[in-house]
Amino acid sequence: MPPGAAITFGPDGTLSILDDGDKPKTLSQIGQLKLIRIDPDNLHQDDSGLFTLTDAARAQRGSALPADPALRLKSGAFEGSNVSPVQTMVEMIGNARSFEMQMKVISNVNDNARAGNQLLAIG
């Protein structure tokens, strides 16, 4: 894809680009998404985190699923995040402070044990 090109997705999954300097009507189609419909029960997450078909679904439907022409993309829509960045940062800071406090406790216990060993060694 050329740098600076505007990327658009059509409702049918068509991926088009508009190069810098091109007229607005000269979209170049460079690909198309394959839109499929699948029941979530027919998927499982493998060790790498990818979702693949279960063995039963693969035996029933094959390994290549057919495109569903009834599905449409909604252009310009964003999927919302399930993570609150502010809450996550506050929790990370709290965890870091807790870790520092626990490391200080361990250091103090080691210092006390060292001092106790020195007292026992003198006597």
PDB file of N, CA and C in Angstrom:
ATOM      1  N   MET A   1       0.837  -1.164   0.000  1.00  0.00           N
ATOM      2  CA  MET A   1       0.000   0.000   0.000  1.00  0.00           C
ATOM      3  C   MET A   1       0.892   1.241   0.000  1.00  0.00           C
ATOM      4  N   PRO A   2       0.577   2.214  -0.822  1.00  0.00           N
ATOM      5  CA  PRO A   2       1.403   3.426  -0.832  1.00  0.00           C
ATOM      6  C   PRO A   2       1.220   4.236   0.449  1.00  0.00           C
ATOM      7  N   PRO A   3       2.306   4.882   0.906  1.00  0.00           N
ATOM      8  CA  PRO A   3       2.174   5.719   2.103  1.00  0.00           C
ATOM      9  C   PRO A   3       1.254   6.894   1.832  1.00  0.00           C
ATOM     10  N   GLY A   4       0.449   7.250   2.818  1.00  0.00           N
ATOM     11  CA  GLY A   4      -0.454   8.384   2.690  1.00  0.00           C
ATOM     12  C   GLY A   4      -1.759   8.060   1.997  1.00  0.00           C
ATOM     13  N   ALA A   5      -1.985   6.807   1.645  1.00  0.00           N
ATOM     14  CA  ALA A   5      -3.223   6.433   0.967  1.00  0.00           C
ATOM     15  C   ALA A   5      -4.354   6.331   1.980  1.00  0.00           C
ATOM     16  N   ALA A   6      -5.544   6.752   1.556  1.00  0.00           N
ATOM     17  CA  ALA A   6      -6.733   6.638   2.401  1.00  0.00           C
ATOM     18  C   ALA A   6      -7.342   5.258   2.184  1.00  0.00           C
ATOM     19  N   ILE A   7      -7.607   4.555   3.281  1.00  0.00           N
ATOM     20  CA  ILE A   7      -8.138   3.196   3.222  1.00  0.00           C
ATOM     21  C   ILE A   7      -9.618   3.239   3.564  1.00  0.00           C
ATOM     22  N   THR A   8     -10.438   2.548   2.779  1.00  0.00           N
ATOM     23  CA  THR A   8     -11.869   2.458   3.069  1.00  0.00           C
ATOM     24  C   THR A   8     -12.320   1.009   2.941  1.00  0.00           C
ATOM     25  N   PHE A   9     -13.299   0.657   3.755  1.00  0.00           N
ATOM     26  CA  PHE A   9     -13.932  -0.652   3.693  1.00  0.00           C
ATOM     27  C   PHE A   9     -15.368  -0.452   3.246  1.00  0.00           C
ATOM     28  N   GLY A  10     -15.776  -1.203   2.241  1.00  0.00           N
ATOM     29  CA  GLY A  10     -17.156  -1.156   1.785  1.00  0.00           C
ATOM     30  C   GLY A  10     -18.027  -2.051   2.644  1.00  0.00           C
ATOM     31  N   PRO A  11     -19.352  -1.886   2.556  1.00  0.00           N
ATOM     32  CA  PRO A  11     -20.251  -2.711   3.370  1.00  0.00           C
ATOM     33  C   PRO A  11     -20.156  -4.204   3.050  1.00  0.00           C
ATOM     34  N   ASP A  12     -19.700  -4.540   1.841  1.00  0.00           N
ATOM     35  CA  ASP A  12     -19.557  -5.952   1.478  1.00  0.00           C
ATOM     36  C   ASP A  12     -18.173  -6.504   1.804  1.00  0.00           C
ATOM     37  N   GLY A  13     -17.317  -5.703   2.457  1.00  0.00           N
ATOM     38  CA  GLY A  13     -15.980  -6.144   2.836  1.00  0.00           C
ATOM     39  C   GLY A  13     -14.904  -5.753   1.853  1.00  0.00           C
ATOM     40  N   THR A  14     -15.245  -4.967   0.828  1.00  0.00           N
ATOM     41  CA  THR A  14     -14.275  -4.534  -0.172  1.00  0.00           C
ATOM     42  C   THR A  14     -13.294  -3.549   0.455  1.00  0.00           C
ATOM     43  N   LEU A  15     -11.996  -3.795   0.278  1.00  0.00           N
ATOM     44  CA  LEU A  15     -10.939  -2.927   0.785  1.00  0.00           C
ATOM     45  C   LEU A  15     -10.410  -2.107  -0.375  1.00  0.00           C
ATOM     46  N   SER A  16     -10.552  -0.777  -0.273  1.00  0.00           N
ATOM     47  CA  SER A  16     -10.143   0.121  -1.350  1.00  0.00           C
ATOM     48  C   SER A  16      -9.211   1.188  -0.811  1.00  0.00           C
ATOM     49  N   ILE A  17      -8.361   1.722  -1.708  1.00  0.00           N
ATOM     50  CA  ILE A  17      -7.470   2.815  -1.323  1.00  0.00           C
ATOM     51  C   ILE A  17      -7.636   3.961  -2.299  1.00  0.00           C
ATOM     52  N   LEU A  18      -7.317   5.153  -1.813  1.00  0.00           N
ATOM     53  CA  LEU A  18      -7.303   6.362  -2.621  1.00  0.00           C
ATOM     54  C   LEU A  18      -5.936   6.997  -2.417  1.00  0.00           C
ATOM     55  N   ASP A  19      -5.106   6.991  -3.463  1.00  0.00           N
ATOM     56  CA  ASP A  19      -3.758   7.544  -3.382  1.00  0.00           C
ATOM     57  C   ASP A  19      -3.797   9.059  -3.269  1.00  0.00           C
ATOM     58  N   ASP A  20      -2.708   9.624  -2.723  1.00  0.00           N
ATOM     59  CA  ASP A  20      -2.576  11.078  -2.696  1.00  0.00           C
ATOM     60  C   ASP A  20      -2.586  11.603  -4.121  1.00  0.00           C
ATOM     61  N   GLY A  21      -3.351  12.634  -4.359  1.00  0.00           N
ATOM     62  CA  GLY A  21      -3.392  13.245  -5.684  1.00  0.00           C
ATOM     63  C   GLY A  21      -4.414  12.632  -6.624  1.00  0.00           C
ATOM     64  N   ASP A  22      -5.011  11.502  -6.253  1.00  0.00           N
ATOM     65  CA  ASP A  22      -6.041  10.899  -7.097  1.00  0.00           C
ATOM     66  C   ASP A  22      -7.352  11.651  -6.942  1.00  0.00           C
ATOM     67  N   LYS A  23      -8.174  11.552  -7.956  1.00  0.00           N
ATOM     68  CA  LYS A  23      -9.512  12.145  -7.884  1.00  0.00           C
ATOM     69  C   LYS A  23     -10.350  11.321  -6.914  1.00  0.00           C
ATOM     70  N   PRO A  24     -11.313  11.944  -6.246  1.00  0.00           N
ATOM     71  CA  PRO A  24     -12.106  11.221  -5.238  1.00  0.00           C
ATOM     72  C   PRO A  24     -12.853  10.012  -5.791  1.00  0.00           C
ATOM     73  N   LYS A  25     -13.115   9.973  -7.070  1.00  0.00           N
ATOM     74  CA  LYS A  25     -13.879   8.860  -7.652  1.00  0.00           C
ATOM     75  C   LYS A  25     -12.985   7.700  -8.092  1.00  0.00           C
ATOM     76  N   THR A  26     -11.649   7.807  -7.924  1.00  0.00           N
ATOM     77  CA  THR A  26     -10.742   6.761  -8.418  1.00  0.00           C
ATOM     78  C   THR A  26     -10.251   5.870  -7.275  1.00  0.00           C
ATOM     79  N   LEU A  27     -11.165   5.116  -6.711  1.00  0.00           N
ATOM     80  CA  LEU A  27     -10.797   4.157  -5.674  1.00  0.00           C
ATOM     81  C   LEU A  27     -10.230   2.909  -6.333  1.00  0.00           C
ATOM     82  N   SER A  28      -9.157   2.394  -5.780  1.00  0.00           N
ATOM     83  CA  SER A  28      -8.556   1.163  -6.287  1.00  0.00           C
ATOM     84  C   SER A  28      -8.867   0.036  -5.322  1.00  0.00           C
ATOM     85  N   GLN A  29      -9.546  -1.006  -5.787  1.00  0.00           N
ATOM     86  CA  GLN A  29      -9.851  -2.150  -4.943  1.00  0.00           C
ATOM     87  C   GLN A  29      -8.601  -3.013  -4.828  1.00  0.00           C
ATOM     88  N   ILE A  30      -8.177  -3.266  -3.575  1.00  0.00           N
ATOM     89  CA  ILE A  30      -6.967  -4.069  -3.373  1.00  0.00           C
ATOM     90  C   ILE A  30      -7.258  -5.394  -2.675  1.00  0.00           C
ATOM     91  N   GLY A  31      -8.478  -5.603  -2.250  1.00  0.00           N
ATOM     92  CA  GLY A  31      -8.803  -6.857  -1.590  1.00  0.00           C
ATOM     93  C   GLY A  31     -10.231  -6.873  -1.113  1.00  0.00           C
ATOM     94  N   GLN A  32     -10.605  -7.981  -0.502  1.00  0.00           N
ATOM     95  CA  GLN A  32     -11.953  -8.103   0.054  1.00  0.00           C
ATOM     96  C   GLN A  32     -11.908  -9.040   1.248  1.00  0.00           C
ATOM     97  N   LEU A  33     -12.581  -8.616   2.312  1.00  0.00           N
ATOM     98  CA  LEU A  33     -12.701  -9.450   3.497  1.00  0.00           C
ATOM     99  C   LEU A  33     -13.726 -10.550   3.237  1.00  0.00           C
ATOM    100  N   LYS A  34     -13.454 -11.705   3.772  1.00  0.00           N
ATOM    101  CA  LYS A  34     -14.420 -12.800   3.672  1.00  0.00           C
ATOM    102  C   LYS A  34     -15.256 -12.778   4.950  1.00  0.00           C
ATOM    103  N   LEU A  35     -16.516 -12.432   4.813  1.00  0.00           N
ATOM    104  CA  LEU A  35     -17.413 -12.334   5.950  1.00  0.00           C
ATOM    105  C   LEU A  35     -18.131 -13.668   6.120  1.00  0.00           C
ATOM    106  N   ILE A  36     -17.974 -14.275   7.283  1.00  0.00           N
ATOM    107  CA  ILE A  36     -18.586 -15.578   7.542  1.00  0.00           C
ATOM    108  C   ILE A  36     -19.434 -15.493   8.798  1.00  0.00           C
ATOM    109  N   ARG A  37     -20.378 -16.395   8.899  1.00  0.00           N
ATOM    110  CA  ARG A  37     -21.216 -16.505  10.094  1.00  0.00           C
ATOM    111  C   ARG A  37     -20.916 -17.863  10.726  1.00  0.00           C
ATOM    112  N   ILE A  38     -20.591 -17.843  12.023  1.00  0.00           N
ATOM    113  CA  ILE A  38     -20.272 -19.093  12.716  1.00  0.00           C
ATOM    114  C   ILE A  38     -20.793 -19.034  14.137  1.00  0.00           C
ATOM    115  N   ASP A  39     -21.223 -20.165  14.611  1.00  0.00           N
ATOM    116  CA  ASP A  39     -21.679 -20.295  15.988  1.00  0.00           C
ATOM    117  C   ASP A  39     -20.448 -20.322  16.900  1.00  0.00           C
ATOM    118  N   PRO A  40     -20.420 -19.507  17.955  1.00  0.00           N
ATOM    119  CA  PRO A  40     -19.246 -19.503  18.852  1.00  0.00           C
ATOM    120  C   PRO A  40     -18.939 -20.864  19.479  1.00  0.00           C
ATOM    121  N   ASP A  41     -19.938 -21.740  19.558  1.00  0.00           N
ATOM    122  CA  ASP A  41     -19.698 -23.069  20.112  1.00  0.00           C
ATOM    123  C   ASP A  41     -18.827 -23.919  19.194  1.00  0.00           C
ATOM    124  N   ASN A  42     -18.713 -23.516  17.921  1.00  0.00           N
ATOM    125  CA  ASN A  42     -17.904 -24.263  16.963  1.00  0.00           C
ATOM    126  C   ASN A  42     -16.448 -23.794  16.926  1.00  0.00           C
ATOM    127  N   LEU A  43     -16.084 -22.873  17.814  1.00  0.00           N
ATOM    128  CA  LEU A  43     -14.722 -22.347  17.870  1.00  0.00           C
ATOM    129  C   LEU A  43     -14.065 -22.730  19.181  1.00  0.00           C
ATOM    130  N   HIS A  44     -12.756 -22.898  19.135  1.00  0.00           N
ATOM    131  CA  HIS A  44     -11.985 -23.044  20.364  1.00  0.00           C
ATOM    132  C   HIS A  44     -10.685 -22.260  20.204  1.00  0.00           C
ATOM    133  N   GLN A  45     -10.153 -21.818  21.332  1.00  0.00           N
ATOM    134  CA  GLN A  45      -8.928 -21.011  21.324  1.00  0.00           C
ATOM    135  C   GLN A  45      -7.743 -21.948  21.504  1.00  0.00           C
ATOM    136  N   ASP A  46      -6.789 -21.872  20.550  1.00  0.00           N
ATOM    137  CA  ASP A  46      -5.621 -22.748  20.652  1.00  0.00           C
ATOM    138  C   ASP A  46      -4.553 -22.112  21.531  1.00  0.00           C
ATOM    139  N   ASP A  47      -3.404 -22.765  21.648  1.00  0.00           N
ATOM    140  CA  ASP A  47      -2.343 -22.310  22.548  1.00  0.00           C
ATOM    141  C   ASP A  47      -1.772 -20.954  22.164  1.00  0.00           C
ATOM    142  N   SER A  48      -1.843 -20.594  20.882  1.00  0.00           N
ATOM    143  CA  SER A  48      -1.299 -19.310  20.440  1.00  0.00           C
ATOM    144  C   SER A  48      -2.299 -18.176  20.594  1.00  0.00           C
ATOM    145  N   GLY A  49      -3.521 -18.470  21.028  1.00  0.00           N
ATOM    146  CA  GLY A  49      -4.534 -17.440  21.216  1.00  0.00           C
ATOM    147  C   GLY A  49      -5.458 -17.270  20.021  1.00  0.00           C
ATOM    148  N   LEU A  50      -5.211 -18.009  18.941  1.00  0.00           N
ATOM    149  CA  LEU A  50      -6.064 -17.916  17.761  1.00  0.00           C
ATOM    150  C   LEU A  50      -7.292 -18.796  17.930  1.00  0.00           C
ATOM    151  N   PHE A  51      -8.404 -18.349  17.336  1.00  0.00           N
ATOM    152  CA  PHE A  51      -9.615 -19.146  17.350  1.00  0.00           C
ATOM    153  C   PHE A  51      -9.649 -20.009  16.103  1.00  0.00           C
ATOM    154  N   THR A  52      -9.872 -21.285  16.289  1.00  0.00           N
ATOM    155  CA  THR A  52      -9.959 -22.229  15.174  1.00  0.00           C
ATOM    156  C   THR A  52     -11.221 -23.052  15.338  1.00  0.00           C
ATOM    157  N   LEU A  53     -11.600 -23.720  14.254  1.00  0.00           N
ATOM    158  CA  LEU A  53     -12.779 -24.577  14.303  1.00  0.00           C
ATOM    159  C   LEU A  53     -12.517 -25.793  15.176  1.00  0.00           C
ATOM    160  N   THR A  54     -13.558 -26.223  15.866  1.00  0.00           N
ATOM    161  CA  THR A  54     -13.450 -27.474  16.613  1.00  0.00           C
ATOM    162  C   THR A  54     -13.399 -28.627  15.614  1.00  0.00           C
ATOM    163  N   ASP A  55     -12.954 -29.773  16.075  1.00  0.00           N
ATOM    164  CA  ASP A  55     -12.867 -30.937  15.192  1.00  0.00           C
ATOM    165  C   ASP A  55     -14.242 -31.332  14.655  1.00  0.00           C
ATOM    166  N   ALA A  56     -15.267 -31.227  15.503  1.00  0.00           N
ATOM    167  CA  ALA A  56     -16.624 -31.579  15.066  1.00  0.00           C
ATOM    168  C   ALA A  56     -17.109 -30.618  13.978  1.00  0.00           C
ATOM    169  N   ALA A  57     -16.844 -29.316  14.144  1.00  0.00           N
ATOM    170  CA  ALA A  57     -17.266 -28.335  13.139  1.00  0.00           C
ATOM    171  C   ALA A  57     -16.486 -28.524  11.844  1.00  0.00           C
ATOM    172  N   ARG A  58     -15.207 -28.851  11.954  1.00  0.00           N
ATOM    173  CA  ARG A  58     -14.397 -29.071  10.755  1.00  0.00           C
ATOM    174  C   ARG A  58     -14.893 -30.296   9.990  1.00  0.00           C
ATOM    175  N   ALA A  59     -15.305 -31.332  10.709  1.00  0.00           N
ATOM    176  CA  ALA A  59     -15.822 -32.537  10.059  1.00  0.00           C
ATOM    177  C   ALA A  59     -17.165 -32.260   9.384  1.00  0.00           C
ATOM    178  N   GLN A  60     -17.968 -31.395  10.007  1.00  0.00           N
ATOM    179  CA  GLN A  60     -19.293 -31.107   9.473  1.00  0.00           C
ATOM    180  C   GLN A  60     -19.253 -30.086   8.332  1.00  0.00           C
ATOM    181  N   ARG A  61     -18.465 -29.001   8.482  1.00  0.00           N
ATOM    182  CA  ARG A  61     -18.500 -27.895   7.528  1.00  0.00           C
ATOM    183  C   ARG A  61     -17.270 -27.807   6.645  1.00  0.00           C
ATOM    184  N   GLY A  62     -16.226 -28.560   6.947  1.00  0.00           N
ATOM    185  CA  GLY A  62     -14.980 -28.442   6.203  1.00  0.00           C
ATOM    186  C   GLY A  62     -14.089 -27.393   6.843  1.00  0.00           C
ATOM    187  N   SER A  63     -12.850 -27.292   6.368  1.00  0.00           N
ATOM    188  CA  SER A  63     -11.911 -26.350   6.989  1.00  0.00           C
ATOM    189  C   SER A  63     -12.055 -24.943   6.433  1.00  0.00           C
ATOM    190  N   ALA A  64     -12.601 -24.793   5.223  1.00  0.00           N
ATOM    191  CA  ALA A  64     -12.815 -23.462   4.633  1.00  0.00           C
ATOM    192  C   ALA A  64     -14.297 -23.138   4.703  1.00  0.00           C
ATOM    193  N   LEU A  65     -14.646 -22.120   5.478  1.00  0.00           N
ATOM    194  CA  LEU A  65     -16.047 -21.746   5.638  1.00  0.00           C
ATOM    195  C   LEU A  65     -16.491 -20.860   4.482  1.00  0.00           C
ATOM    196  N   PRO A  66     -17.724 -21.007   4.013  1.00  0.00           N
ATOM    197  CA  PRO A  66     -18.206 -20.189   2.900  1.00  0.00           C
ATOM    198  C   PRO A  66     -18.540 -18.768   3.358  1.00  0.00           C
ATOM    199  N   ALA A  67     -18.414 -17.825   2.442  1.00  0.00           N
ATOM    200  CA  ALA A  67     -18.773 -16.431   2.727  1.00  0.00           C
ATOM    201  C   ALA A  67     -20.286 -16.310   2.835  1.00  0.00           C
ATOM    202  N   ASP A  68     -20.742 -15.420   3.702  1.00  0.00           N
ATOM    203  CA  ASP A  68     -22.176 -15.172   3.870  1.00  0.00           C
ATOM    204  C   ASP A  68     -22.501 -13.822   3.235  1.00  0.00           C
ATOM    205  N   PRO A  69     -23.192 -13.798   2.090  1.00  0.00           N
ATOM    206  CA  PRO A  69     -23.470 -12.525   1.402  1.00  0.00           C
ATOM    207  C   PRO A  69     -24.438 -11.629   2.157  1.00  0.00           C
ATOM    208  N   ALA A  70     -25.142 -12.163   3.153  1.00  0.00           N
ATOM    209  CA  ALA A  70     -26.088 -11.347   3.908  1.00  0.00           C
ATOM    210  C   ALA A  70     -25.397 -10.460   4.952  1.00  0.00           C
ATOM    211  N   LEU A  71     -24.157 -10.771   5.308  1.00  0.00           N
ATOM    212  CA  LEU A  71     -23.441  -9.973   6.314  1.00  0.00           C
ATOM    213  C   LEU A  71     -22.938  -8.676   5.712  1.00  0.00           C
ATOM    214  N   ARG A  72     -22.946  -7.608   6.504  1.00  0.00           N
ATOM    215  CA  ARG A  72     -22.486  -6.293   6.068  1.00  0.00           C
ATOM    216  C   ARG A  72     -21.598  -5.680   7.138  1.00  0.00           C
ATOM    217  N   LEU A  73     -20.595  -4.912   6.686  1.00  0.00           N
ATOM    218  CA  LEU A  73     -19.740  -4.136   7.586  1.00  0.00           C
ATOM    219  C   LEU A  73     -20.362  -2.773   7.810  1.00  0.00           C
ATOM    220  N   LYS A  74     -20.127  -2.225   8.990  1.00  0.00           N
ATOM    221  CA  LYS A  74     -20.570  -0.867   9.265  1.00  0.00           C
ATOM    222  C   LYS A  74     -19.326   0.004   9.240  1.00  0.00           C
ATOM    223  N   SER A  75     -19.183   0.813   8.214  1.00  0.00           N
ATOM    224  CA  SER A  75     -17.996   1.646   8.045  1.00  0.00           C
ATOM    225  C   SER A  75     -17.989   2.786   9.056  1.00  0.00           C
ATOM    226  N   GLY A  76     -16.815   3.059   9.611  1.00  0.00           N
ATOM    227  CA  GLY A  76     -16.654   4.175  10.540  1.00  0.00           C
ATOM    228  C   GLY A  76     -17.001   3.837  11.973  1.00  0.00           C
ATOM    229  N   ALA A  77     -17.422   2.633  12.266  1.00  0.00           N
ATOM    230  CA  ALA A  77     -17.769   2.242  13.625  1.00  0.00           C
ATOM    231  C   ALA A  77     -16.537   1.674  14.318  1.00  0.00           C
ATOM    232  N   PHE A  78     -16.392   1.959  15.580  1.00  0.00           N
ATOM    233  CA  PHE A  78     -15.275   1.449  16.368  1.00  0.00           C
ATOM    234  C   PHE A  78     -15.814   0.522  17.441  1.00  0.00           C
ATOM    235  N   GLU A  79     -15.074  -0.553  17.687  1.00  0.00           N
ATOM    236  CA  GLU A  79     -15.436  -1.451  18.769  1.00  0.00           C
ATOM    237  C   GLU A  79     -14.902  -0.865  20.063  1.00  0.00           C
ATOM    238  N   GLY A  80     -15.723  -0.875  21.073  1.00  0.00           N
ATOM    239  CA  GLY A  80     -15.312  -0.331  22.355  1.00  0.00           C
ATOM    240  C   GLY A  80     -14.364  -1.268  23.075  1.00  0.00           C
ATOM    241  N   SER A  81     -13.539  -0.703  23.915  1.00  0.00           N
ATOM    242  CA  SER A  81     -12.580  -1.487  24.677  1.00  0.00           C
ATOM    243  C   SER A  81     -13.232  -2.004  25.947  1.00  0.00           C
ATOM    244  N   ASN A  82     -12.793  -3.145  26.419  1.00  0.00           N
ATOM    245  CA  ASN A  82     -13.287  -3.676  27.683  1.00  0.00           C
ATOM    246  C   ASN A  82     -12.318  -3.373  28.820  1.00  0.00           C
ATOM    247  N   VAL A  83     -11.369  -2.461  28.583  1.00  0.00           N
ATOM    248  CA  VAL A  83     -10.370  -2.096  29.579  1.00  0.00           C
ATOM    249  C   VAL A  83     -10.463  -0.597  29.842  1.00  0.00           C
ATOM    250  N   SER A  84     -10.467  -0.236  31.118  1.00  0.00           N
ATOM    251  CA  SER A  84     -10.429   1.168  31.495  1.00  0.00           C
ATOM    252  C   SER A  84      -8.965   1.541  31.746  1.00  0.00           C
ATOM    253  N   PRO A  85      -8.372   2.390  30.895  1.00  0.00           N
ATOM    254  CA  PRO A  85      -6.950   2.717  31.076  1.00  0.00           C
ATOM    255  C   PRO A  85      -6.652   3.373  32.418  1.00  0.00           C
ATOM    256  N   VAL A  86      -7.540   4.232  32.896  1.00  0.00           N
ATOM    257  CA  VAL A  86      -7.298   4.922  34.166  1.00  0.00           C
ATOM    258  C   VAL A  86      -7.310   3.923  35.309  1.00  0.00           C
ATOM    259  N   GLN A  87      -8.309   3.043  35.331  1.00  0.00           N
ATOM    260  CA  GLN A  87      -8.392   2.052  36.395  1.00  0.00           C
ATOM    261  C   GLN A  87      -7.192   1.103  36.352  1.00  0.00           C
ATOM    262  N   THR A  88      -6.782   0.712  35.154  1.00  0.00           N
ATOM    263  CA  THR A  88      -5.644  -0.191  35.021  1.00  0.00           C
ATOM    264  C   THR A  88      -4.362   0.472  35.514  1.00  0.00           C
ATOM    265  N   MET A  89      -4.153   1.746  35.192  1.00  0.00           N
ATOM    266  CA  MET A  89      -2.959   2.456  35.657  1.00  0.00           C
ATOM    267  C   MET A  89      -2.959   2.592  37.179  1.00  0.00           C
ATOM    268  N   VAL A  90      -4.129   2.898  37.765  1.00  0.00           N
ATOM    269  CA  VAL A  90      -4.222   3.011  39.226  1.00  0.00           C
ATOM    270  C   VAL A  90      -3.878   1.672  39.873  1.00  0.00           C
ATOM    271  N   GLU A  91      -4.395   0.567  39.308  1.00  0.00           N
ATOM    272  CA  GLU A  91      -4.092  -0.759  39.848  1.00  0.00           C
ATOM    273  C   GLU A  91      -2.611  -1.086  39.692  1.00  0.00           C
ATOM    274  N   MET A  92      -2.004  -0.711  38.564  1.00  0.00           N
ATOM    275  CA  MET A  92      -0.570  -0.962  38.367  1.00  0.00           C
ATOM    276  C   MET A  92       0.269  -0.188  39.372  1.00  0.00           C
ATOM    277  N   ILE A  93      -0.087   1.064  39.627  1.00  0.00           N
ATOM    278  CA  ILE A  93       0.643   1.867  40.611  1.00  0.00           C
ATOM    279  C   ILE A  93       0.487   1.266  41.999  1.00  0.00           C
ATOM    280  N   GLY A  94      -0.730   0.828  42.332  1.00  0.00           N
ATOM    281  CA  GLY A  94      -0.965   0.188  43.629  1.00  0.00           C
ATOM    282  C   GLY A  94      -0.152  -1.087  43.778  1.00  0.00           C
ATOM    283  N   ASN A  95      -0.090  -1.893  42.707  1.00  0.00           N
ATOM    284  CA  ASN A  95       0.707  -3.125  42.751  1.00  0.00           C
ATOM    285  C   ASN A  95       2.193  -2.821  42.898  1.00  0.00           C
ATOM    286  N   ALA A  96       2.677  -1.777  42.218  1.00  0.00           N
ATOM    287  CA  ALA A  96       4.092  -1.410  42.322  1.00  0.00           C
ATOM    288  C   ALA A  96       4.422  -0.954  43.738  1.00  0.00           C
ATOM    289  N   ARG A  97       3.547  -0.174  44.347  1.00  0.00           N
ATOM    290  CA  ARG A  97       3.787   0.285  45.727  1.00  0.00           C
ATOM    291  C   ARG A  97       3.741  -0.878  46.710  1.00  0.00           C
ATOM    292  N   SER A  98       2.818  -1.795  46.496  1.00  0.00           N
ATOM    293  CA  SER A  98       2.731  -2.972  47.360  1.00  0.00           C
ATOM    294  C   SER A  98       4.004  -3.809  47.246  1.00  0.00           C
ATOM    295  N   PHE A  99       4.513  -3.961  46.015  1.00  0.00           N
ATOM    296  CA  PHE A  99       5.747  -4.713  45.809  1.00  0.00           C
ATOM    297  C   PHE A  99       6.912  -4.040  46.528  1.00  0.00           C
ATOM    298  N   GLU A 100       7.025  -2.710  46.404  1.00  0.00           N
ATOM    299  CA  GLU A 100       8.108  -1.983  47.085  1.00  0.00           C
ATOM    300  C   GLU A 100       8.016  -2.166  48.593  1.00  0.00           C
ATOM    301  N   MET A 101       6.788  -2.102  49.131  1.00  0.00           N
ATOM    302  CA  MET A 101       6.611  -2.255  50.570  1.00  0.00           C
ATOM    303  C   MET A 101       7.023  -3.668  51.013  1.00  0.00           C
ATOM    304  N   GLN A 102       6.644  -4.659  50.251  1.00  0.00           N
ATOM    305  CA  GLN A 102       7.015  -6.033  50.605  1.00  0.00           C
ATOM    306  C   GLN A 102       8.526  -6.232  50.501  1.00  0.00           C
ATOM    307  N   MET A 103       9.181  -5.614  49.537  1.00  0.00           N
ATOM    308  CA  MET A 103      10.636  -5.717  49.419  1.00  0.00           C
ATOM    309  C   MET A 103      11.321  -5.046  50.609  1.00  0.00           C
ATOM    310  N   LYS A 104      10.764  -3.933  51.115  1.00  0.00           N
ATOM    311  CA  LYS A 104      11.334  -3.282  52.293  1.00  0.00           C
ATOM    312  C   LYS A 104      11.179  -4.164  53.520  1.00  0.00           C
ATOM    313  N   VAL A 105      10.046  -4.839  53.640  1.00  0.00           N
ATOM    314  CA  VAL A 105       9.842  -5.750  54.772  1.00  0.00           C
ATOM    315  C   VAL A 105      10.863  -6.876  54.711  1.00  0.00           C
ATOM    316  N   ILE A 106      11.076  -7.448  53.536  1.00  0.00           N
ATOM    317  CA  ILE A 106      12.062  -8.524  53.394  1.00  0.00           C
ATOM    318  C   ILE A 106      13.458  -8.017  53.725  1.00  0.00           C
ATOM    319  N   SER A 107      13.778  -6.806  53.287  1.00  0.00           N
ATOM    320  CA  SER A 107      15.092  -6.230  53.582  1.00  0.00           C
ATOM    321  C   SER A 107      15.264  -6.007  55.088  1.00  0.00           C
ATOM    322  N   ASN A 108      14.219  -5.520  55.751  1.00  0.00           N
ATOM    323  CA  ASN A 108      14.288  -5.301  57.209  1.00  0.00           C
ATOM    324  C   ASN A 108      14.439  -6.624  57.949  1.00  0.00           C
ATOM    325  N   VAL A 109      13.739  -7.670  57.502  1.00  0.00           N
ATOM    326  CA  VAL A 109      13.866  -8.985  58.152  1.00  0.00           C
ATOM    327  C   VAL A 109      15.285  -9.507  57.970  1.00  0.00           C
ATOM    328  N   ASN A 110      15.862  -9.334  56.779  1.00  0.00           N
ATOM    329  CA  ASN A 110      17.241  -9.770  56.557  1.00  0.00           C
ATOM    330  C   ASN A 110      18.217  -8.998  57.440  1.00  0.00           C
ATOM    331  N   ASP A 111      18.021  -7.679  57.571  1.00  0.00           N
ATOM    332  CA  ASP A 111      18.888  -6.870  58.433  1.00  0.00           C
ATOM    333  C   ASP A 111      18.777  -7.318  59.890  1.00  0.00           C
ATOM    334  N   ASN A 112      17.555  -7.595  60.357  1.00  0.00           N
ATOM    335  CA  ASN A 112      17.361  -8.065  61.733  1.00  0.00           C
ATOM    336  C   ASN A 112      18.021  -9.430  61.951  1.00  0.00           C
ATOM    337  N   ALA A 113      17.901 -10.321  60.968  1.00  0.00           N
ATOM    338  CA  ALA A 113      18.521 -11.646  61.093  1.00  0.00           C
ATOM    339  C   ALA A 113      20.046 -11.523  61.108  1.00  0.00           C
ATOM    340  N   ARG A 114      20.579 -10.632  60.287  1.00  0.00           N
ATOM    341  CA  ARG A 114      22.035 -10.421  60.262  1.00  0.00           C
ATOM    342  C   ARG A 114      22.513  -9.867  61.592  1.00  0.00           C
ATOM    343  N   ALA A 115      21.766  -8.885  62.150  1.00  0.00           N
ATOM    344  CA  ALA A 115      22.145  -8.308  63.439  1.00  0.00           C
ATOM    345  C   ALA A 115      22.059  -9.357  64.550  1.00  0.00           C
ATOM    346  N   GLY A 116      21.019 -10.202  64.502  1.00  0.00           N
ATOM    347  CA  GLY A 116      20.890 -11.271  65.512  1.00  0.00           C
ATOM    348  C   GLY A 116      22.019 -12.264  65.396  1.00  0.00           C
ATOM    349  N   ASN A 117      22.448 -12.613  64.202  1.00  0.00           N
ATOM    350  CA  ASN A 117      23.566 -13.533  64.024  1.00  0.00           C
ATOM    351  C   ASN A 117      24.857 -12.941  64.565  1.00  0.00           C
ATOM    352  N   GLN A 118      25.042 -11.625  64.379  1.00  0.00           N
ATOM    353  CA  GLN A 118      26.258 -10.975  64.900  1.00  0.00           C
ATOM    354  C   GLN A 118      26.276 -10.990  66.428  1.00  0.00           C
ATOM    355  N   LEU A 119      25.084 -10.772  67.041  1.00  0.00           N
ATOM    356  CA  LEU A 119      25.024 -10.812  68.496  1.00  0.00           C
ATOM    357  C   LEU A 119      25.327 -12.216  69.025  1.00  0.00           C
ATOM    358  N   LEU A 120      24.821 -13.228  68.330  1.00  0.00           N
ATOM    359  CA  LEU A 120      25.074 -14.599  68.771  1.00  0.00           C
ATOM    360  C   LEU A 120      26.542 -15.001  68.554  1.00  0.00           C
ATOM    361  N   ALA A 121      27.135 -14.452  67.493  1.00  0.00           N
ATOM    362  CA  ALA A 121      28.529 -14.782  67.201  1.00  0.00           C
ATOM    363  C   ALA A 121      29.467 -14.175  68.242  1.00  0.00           C
ATOM    364  N   ILE A 122      29.127 -13.028  68.792  1.00  0.00           N
ATOM    365  CA  ILE A 122      29.974 -12.384  69.802  1.00  0.00           C
ATOM    366  C   ILE A 122      29.913 -13.161  71.113  1.00  0.00           C
ATOM    367  N   GLY A 123      28.748 -13.612  71.467  1.00  0.00           N
ATOM    368  CA  GLY A 123      28.559 -14.291  72.747  1.00  0.00           C
ATOM    369  C   GLY A 123      28.980 -15.670  72.691  1.00  0.00           C
TER     370      GLY A 123
END
